[in-house]
């Protein structure tokens, strides 16, 4: 049986690359603020909108990418193998999140990462598997999850064991917090978009090949290696800031 060749959609890599740059810019500002080089209010006003825009951008793309990966893999894998593939992938990313938890606890102690971006993405990949064949239901469910997440954000609770879901304990503080509510809802909407625009790994709209523009080529390159960049960009930024501003 001839193996089917699947196209890589450059526009998805482009959007992911843009999100990577947006994230790096925010973390640069955060680090400058942390070292008191510039005093910025990063979690209010326009900066807060920027933070939520980055998160929404990333998590929508996670959902879209999951549909592409699923539709590509289901051609050659059994249902059991396919499920195991997503469990392994989710555990791998969640494990990287745990590594960030350990590193941030060692260096920060107060405010260390408890359930950040990678924790949420890793767990969401596992939870999303039953929804990857669905479309309109994901849109409805995603909106419901986002709604409840927004409501939960207004309250604090006297227990900690549901912090991963969105139930923030009293006086809770962490530098990176992305609970399943509302962010799993954003991923479900991303799955809806993916299954709508790229059903069975086929683009329903026409797009020419990637333009020969250096900026676009750069963004698509960054988008292809977004996980690696996410994991290494902060040590690089901190090293640069330390050398030029702190040392």
Foldseek 3Di string as FASTA:
>chain_A
DDQDDFDDDLVLLLLLLVLLVLVLVLLLVVLCCVVVVDPDDQCDDPNVVSVVVSLLSVLLSLLLVLLLVLLNVVVPDDPVVSLVVLLVQLVVLLVLVVVQQVVQCVVPVPQGDDQADSNLSSVLSNVCVVVLVDAPVLLVVLVVLQVVLVVQQVDEDCDDPQQLQRRHHPPDHHPGGDHVRNSSSSSSNSSNVNCVQQNSSRGPDDDDPDDPDPSSVSSSVCSVVVVVCVSPVNVVSNVVCCVPPND
